[in-house]
């Protein structure tokens, strides 16, 4: 157990080092030698942990989505499922803006030539399953039209992501458009427009 813990801690440190390098020095800094030097270990350790640079890039990709999952999972559950669903929107925006390095790997192809495997894409989508479950609860409660939760989740994700991308690029200065587009995405599937929470 102690050995496994040490391995996990080392792996986490290497991922954190790579994430910081990507953010501060750009993708060209992500060489095995540079990462090993910054982490205080040998290049052999990096190769053992990740196989190659592509393996490290995929680890960064998955770590980014895991951080997103933890932020969304930390949103307090509300007794009203629609209130809870709308509270996930700001949490998603906060996660995007708080993790610019990981965001760039996840959504902006920051590492040239990196393409996540199908397994990684599946795990990445599973990271936002909290959204699917919240939507399923809203459907069960009669707030949203009966349909596949994933259909609504993808619509809401696309709306939120588009607004965040524009904000990150400097085209939007605050969260007002973000709130508007996420509200519009949810409203598209509402059974009754009168059920929109006042907080939207």
Protein backbone atom coordinates (compact mmCIF):
# COMPACT_ATOMS: atom_id res chain seq x y z
CA UNK A 1 0.00 0.00 0.00
CA UNK A 2 2.81 2.37 0.88
CA UNK A 3 4.52 1.72 -2.46
CA UNK A 4 1.29 2.32 -4.37
CA UNK A 5 0.71 5.56 -2.48
CA UNK A 6 4.21 6.74 -3.37
CA UNK A 7 3.62 5.89 -7.02
CA UNK A 8 0.33 7.77 -7.04
CA UNK A 9 1.90 10.79 -5.37
CA UNK A 10 4.75 10.81 -7.86
CA UNK A 11 2.37 10.50 -10.77
CA UNK A 12 0.30 13.36 -9.39
CA UNK A 13 3.39 15.51 -8.97
CA UNK A 14 4.51 14.87 -12.55
CA UNK A 15 1.07 15.77 -13.89
CA UNK A 16 1.03 18.95 -11.80
CA UNK A 17 4.51 19.92 -13.03
CA UNK A 18 3.49 19.31 -16.64
CA UNK A 19 0.31 21.34 -16.14
CA UNK A 20 2.23 24.28 -14.69
CA UNK A 21 4.81 24.17 -17.49
CA UNK A 22 2.07 24.14 -20.10
CA UNK A 23 0.44 27.16 -18.51
CA UNK A 24 3.59 29.22 -17.95
CA UNK A 25 5.91 28.18 -20.78
CA UNK A 26 3.64 26.68 -23.43
CA UNK A 27 3.50 23.25 -25.09
CA UNK A 28 7.12 23.33 -26.24
CA UNK A 29 8.17 23.04 -22.60
CA UNK A 30 6.56 19.61 -22.28
CA UNK A 31 9.66 17.54 -22.90
CA UNK A 32 10.34 14.48 -20.82
CA UNK A 33 13.69 15.91 -19.71
CA UNK A 34 12.23 19.26 -18.65
CA UNK A 35 9.41 17.64 -16.70
CA UNK A 36 11.79 15.24 -14.98
CA UNK A 37 14.12 18.10 -14.03
CA UNK A 38 11.30 20.23 -12.64
CA UNK A 39 9.88 17.27 -10.69
CA UNK A 40 13.28 16.22 -9.35
CA UNK A 41 13.32 12.74 -10.82
CA UNK A 42 14.90 10.86 -13.72
CA UNK A 43 13.56 10.72 -17.24
CA UNK A 44 13.21 6.96 -16.75
CA UNK A 45 10.57 7.60 -14.10
CA UNK A 46 8.55 9.75 -16.51
CA UNK A 47 8.74 7.12 -19.23
CA UNK A 48 7.76 4.41 -16.73
CA UNK A 49 4.75 6.40 -15.56
CA UNK A 50 3.42 7.58 -18.94
CA UNK A 51 5.21 5.65 -21.67
CA UNK A 52 5.92 8.72 -23.82
CA UNK A 53 4.92 12.34 -24.34
CA UNK A 54 1.56 11.29 -25.81
CA UNK A 55 0.83 9.28 -22.68
CA UNK A 56 1.63 12.30 -20.56
CA UNK A 57 -0.64 14.49 -22.71
CA UNK A 58 -3.49 12.02 -22.23
CA UNK A 59 -2.86 12.06 -18.47
CA UNK A 60 -3.18 15.86 -18.52
CA UNK A 61 -6.38 15.58 -20.54
CA UNK A 62 -7.92 13.14 -18.08
CA UNK A 63 -6.72 15.09 -15.05
CA UNK A 64 -8.43 18.18 -16.41
CA UNK A 65 -11.75 16.38 -16.72
CA UNK A 66 -11.35 14.84 -13.28
CA UNK A 67 -10.87 18.31 -11.81
CA UNK A 68 -14.03 19.41 -13.59
CA UNK A 69 -15.89 16.41 -12.18
CA UNK A 70 -14.82 17.26 -8.64
CA UNK A 71 -15.94 20.88 -8.99
CA UNK A 72 -19.35 19.89 -10.32
CA UNK A 73 -19.74 17.17 -7.70
CA UNK A 74 -18.98 19.74 -4.98
CA UNK A 75 -22.06 21.81 -5.85
CA UNK A 76 -24.53 21.35 -2.96
CA UNK A 77 -27.63 19.39 -3.84
CA UNK A 78 -30.81 21.46 -3.76
CA UNK A 79 -34.18 19.91 -2.86
CA UNK A 80 -35.58 21.34 -6.07
CA UNK A 81 -33.96 19.55 -9.05
CA UNK A 82 -34.29 22.53 -11.40
CA UNK A 83 -32.61 24.82 -8.88
CA UNK A 84 -29.80 22.29 -8.61
CA UNK A 85 -29.46 22.01 -12.39
CA UNK A 86 -29.15 25.78 -12.80
CA UNK A 87 -26.54 25.92 -10.02
CA UNK A 88 -24.26 23.61 -12.03
CA UNK A 89 -23.86 26.26 -14.76
CA UNK A 90 -21.80 28.75 -12.71
CA UNK A 91 -19.72 25.86 -11.36
CA UNK A 92 -18.84 24.81 -14.91
CA UNK A 93 -17.81 28.35 -15.82
CA UNK A 94 -15.71 28.65 -12.66
CA UNK A 95 -13.97 25.37 -13.45
CA UNK A 96 -13.12 26.51 -16.98
CA UNK A 97 -11.70 29.85 -15.86
CA UNK A 98 -9.83 28.41 -12.86
CA UNK A 99 -7.95 25.75 -14.86
CA UNK A 100 -6.72 27.51 -18.03
CA UNK A 101 -3.86 25.09 -18.64
CA UNK A 102 -6.00 22.00 -18.43
CA UNK A 103 -8.79 23.70 -20.35
CA UNK A 104 -6.41 24.32 -23.24
CA UNK A 105 -5.51 20.61 -23.39
CA UNK A 106 -9.11 19.47 -23.07
CA UNK A 107 -10.71 21.79 -25.60
CA UNK A 108 -8.16 23.83 -27.55
CA UNK A 109 -5.63 21.25 -28.80
CA UNK A 110 -2.85 23.01 -26.87
CA UNK A 111 -0.46 20.09 -27.42
CA UNK A 112 0.18 19.78 -31.18
CA UNK A 113 -0.50 16.31 -32.54
CA UNK A 114 -2.23 15.00 -29.43
CA UNK A 115 -5.47 13.14 -30.00
CA UNK A 116 -7.11 11.50 -26.97
CA UNK A 117 -7.89 7.82 -27.28
CA UNK A 118 -11.47 6.58 -27.43
CA UNK A 119 -11.07 5.37 -23.86
CA UNK A 120 -9.99 8.84 -22.77
CA UNK A 121 -12.91 10.46 -24.60
CA UNK A 122 -15.32 8.07 -22.89
CA UNK A 123 -13.86 8.85 -19.46
CA UNK A 124 -13.92 12.56 -20.24
CA UNK A 125 -17.63 12.50 -21.08
CA UNK A 126 -18.31 10.47 -17.95
CA UNK A 127 -16.76 13.31 -15.93
CA UNK A 128 -19.83 15.46 -16.59
CA UNK A 129 -22.36 12.72 -15.91
CA UNK A 130 -23.50 14.77 -12.93
CA UNK A 131 -25.21 16.98 -15.51
CA UNK A 132 -27.00 13.99 -17.04
CA UNK A 133 -28.25 12.88 -13.63
CA UNK A 134 -29.47 16.37 -12.72
CA UNK A 135 -31.39 16.56 -15.99
CA UNK A 136 -32.88 13.10 -15.46
CA UNK A 137 -34.14 14.27 -12.05
CA UNK A 138 -35.71 17.36 -13.68
CA UNK A 139 -37.46 15.16 -16.23
CA UNK A 140 -38.77 12.89 -13.47
CA UNK A 141 -40.02 15.93 -11.55
CA UNK A 142 -41.93 17.16 -14.61
CA UNK A 143 -39.80 20.26 -15.22
CA UNK A 144 -38.30 19.14 -18.54
CA UNK A 145 -39.82 17.40 -21.53
CA UNK A 146 -39.40 13.62 -21.53
CA UNK A 147 -36.40 12.85 -23.71
CA UNK A 148 -32.94 11.38 -23.36
CA UNK A 149 -31.06 13.33 -20.64
CA UNK A 150 -27.89 13.21 -22.73
CA UNK A 151 -29.63 15.17 -25.51
CA UNK A 152 -30.41 18.06 -23.17
CA UNK A 153 -27.04 17.78 -21.43
CA UNK A 154 -25.15 18.11 -24.72
CA UNK A 155 -27.22 21.16 -25.68
CA UNK A 156 -26.55 22.82 -22.32
CA UNK A 157 -22.86 21.87 -22.43
CA UNK A 158 -22.48 23.34 -25.92
CA UNK A 159 -24.14 26.60 -24.90
CA UNK A 160 -22.07 26.95 -21.73
CA UNK A 161 -18.85 25.99 -23.46
CA UNK A 162 -19.36 28.43 -26.31
CA UNK A 163 -19.89 31.33 -23.92
CA UNK A 164 -16.84 30.35 -21.84
CA UNK A 165 -14.66 30.12 -24.95
CA UNK A 166 -15.70 33.63 -26.01
CA UNK A 167 -15.03 34.92 -22.52
CA UNK A 168 -11.58 33.31 -22.43
CA UNK A 169 -10.79 34.90 -25.78
CA UNK A 170 -11.67 38.32 -24.41
CA UNK A 171 -14.88 38.84 -26.37
CA UNK A 172 -17.12 38.76 -23.29
CA UNK A 173 -16.26 40.72 -20.16
CA UNK A 174 -18.49 39.11 -17.53
CA UNK A 175 -20.89 36.25 -16.94
CA UNK A 176 -24.09 37.91 -18.18
CA UNK A 177 -24.05 36.30 -21.64
CA UNK A 178 -23.06 33.00 -20.09
CA UNK A 179 -26.10 33.14 -17.80
CA UNK A 180 -28.34 34.08 -20.73
CA UNK A 181 -27.27 31.27 -23.04
CA UNK A 182 -27.44 28.60 -20.35
CA UNK A 183 -30.90 29.82 -19.38
CA UNK A 184 -31.97 29.70 -23.03
CA UNK A 185 -30.67 26.13 -23.38
CA UNK A 186 -32.60 24.98 -20.33
CA UNK A 187 -35.72 26.94 -21.34
CA UNK A 188 -35.77 25.16 -24.69
CA UNK A 189 -36.76 21.95 -22.88
CA UNK A 190 -38.95 23.32 -20.09
CA UNK A 191 -42.49 21.95 -19.90
CA UNK A 192 -43.65 25.31 -18.50
CA UNK A 193 -41.78 28.60 -18.82
CA UNK A 194 -43.27 29.59 -15.44
CA UNK A 195 -41.03 27.02 -13.79
CA UNK A 196 -37.79 28.92 -14.50
CA UNK A 197 -36.06 29.60 -11.16
CA UNK A 198 -35.81 33.27 -10.22
CA UNK A 199 -32.05 32.86 -9.84
CA UNK A 200 -31.58 32.41 -13.59
